[in-house]
C-alpha cells in the first residue's frame, strides 16, 4: 500500500473524509481486475458494493456509453429521450409491468417511493413499516426506514412515521399495522444487515398482509436487483409482485442511477395532471448516458445467459465455502442467493476478531471483498467472473482465514 500517494494527499486537503478509505488509489479496471498507481493488480469480488454488475469497462457498456456520449447527454425531464424510454421498457418487461421514475441512487429511489406511498395514502395513511437490520439509504426518510441506529446518530430531530419490526417475522409485521400504515418496505435479502435470507414464504406472506390491509408492498432491490441473485429481481423467487420496487447500484453499472418502479395504479399518483403540478422531480435523474448503459446491461445479461450462470456459480461457491467451514471450523454459516453471498465467521480461536480484519488482509494480498455487521464477509462478484477467478479468489480467502498471506 502506498500511504504517500500524492492523490491521497490532495484528497485529504480538498474532500470531506466521511469514508474511511484505504490508502490505495485505483487507476484502471478491466473485467474483474483493478490496478492501482503502483501497478498492483486486485481481483475484485465485491463489484464496488455491488454496482459493477458486469465488471469494469465491459466492452458492450463502453460502446453504449461512447455512442451516447457522441450523440446526446442531457436535456432535462420536460423532454423525451430514447435511452430513458428503452430502459423503462426493459425494467417493465423484466419485472412487473410497472412505470419507472429515474433518479441518482438507491437512497433517492427509496425517498421517491415513500413520497409516492404517502400520496397513495391520501393523507390518511402515512406510516412505513420497515425491518430491523435493514438498510435503505441515507436521505432523511431513507435513514429513518433503515433499521440500524448508527446511520441516524447526530441527525435528530427525526422524521416521524417509521416503525421497525424484526426481519422474517410475519406476526410482528401484522401487529405493527394500523389504520395509518401506508406501506411495508423490505429487502428480499438484507444486504448491510449481513446477507440475511428470509424464509421461503416471507415475501408471499407480506404480499398477503398488504392485500388484506390494502397497503403497499415496497421491495428494495438496490442490492439484489438486475440479476445478481439468479433472477432479474429477487422478489421473483417468491412468485409475487410488489407495488413498488426500488433499484440502485447495479442498474447503473457504476454510473449514478436509481429507479423507482411502481404499479400503474400506484404510479398514477405521480401523474402531474392528477397531482395538479409536479409531485416529485430530479434534474439529472435518467440522463441519457446512464440510461443507455443500463438498458444495454439488461440486453447483455440476457444475451450471455448470465442469470443462469449467477444461480449455478453462486451455489458452487457457497458449497465450497460450507465444506471449508465444516473442515476448519472458521465459518459458522454461508448464506445468500446467486452471486450475493454472506459468510458468517467463527472468530473464536482464530487469528481474526472480526470480518474487517479478514477484509484488510485480503486487500493486502490483492483480493477485494466486503463485510457487513461485525462477523460477516460479503462476496458480490461481477456476473462475468470466470471459474478461474472464482477459484483464485476462494483459494486466497481460504488461505487467509487459516492465517496465511
Foldseek 3Di string as FASTA:
>chain_A
DDQVPVVVVVCVVPHDPPDPDDSWAWDDWDFQWTATPVRDIFGEQCLVVQQQQRTGPDVLLVVLLVVCVVPFWADWDVDDDDLLVLLQVLCCVQAPNFGKDKDFFQLVLVVVVLLLLCLVVVPQARAEEAEALAARDQDQVRVLNYNDCVSCPPPDPHDDRYHYDHPQDLVRVLVPDDRRHAEYEYECFGALSFRHHHDLCSVVSRVVSCVVSVHFYEYEQQNPACQQQLGNGSCVSNVDHGQWYKYGRHLQSPGGMIMITGHVVSCVSQPCVVVVHGSDDDTCTPINSSSSSSSSSSVVCVVVVLSNVQQVVVVVLQVVVVVLCVVPVQWDHWDHGRQWIKTFTDCVVWPDDWPVVLQVVSVVVRYHWAAHDTGITIGRGHSPDDPVSSVVRVVSSSQVRRPHD
